[in-house]
Amino acid sequence: MNDTLETSETKTATTSVTLSDGRVVTLKRGKGRDLLEANRRSGQDGSRFRFELLALLASTDTGSLGFDDLMDMNLPDVALLLATFRNADFSSPGKGAPDAASEPE
């Protein structure tokens, strides 16, 4: 297992993170519907909201990343994902994560 956690930003506005197990997680630009869905999924649990939103916006090189995947992930990987998510610049298409509209559904 690789103990080094890496992040990278490409010129295509993709924010990706390499986890300790070698999986690459990519964050997409979210939309209002993602906020609404994360709020719905988290119910009255405010501490769960950030994880639900992260799960909605994140995918791996092997498929989607779900809430349960985040809960079962090693703490350093979760901390890296949360920090990357918190620091992503979602304000312009040229920075941060890619536009969700450009992602296939």
Foldseek 3Di string as FASTA:
>chain_A
DAPDKDWDADQQAWTWIQDRVGKIKTFAQDDPVLLVVLCVVCDPPPVSSLLSSLQVGIAIPVGGRHSVNLVPDDPVRNVVSSVLVVPWDSPDCRTGRHHPVVDDD
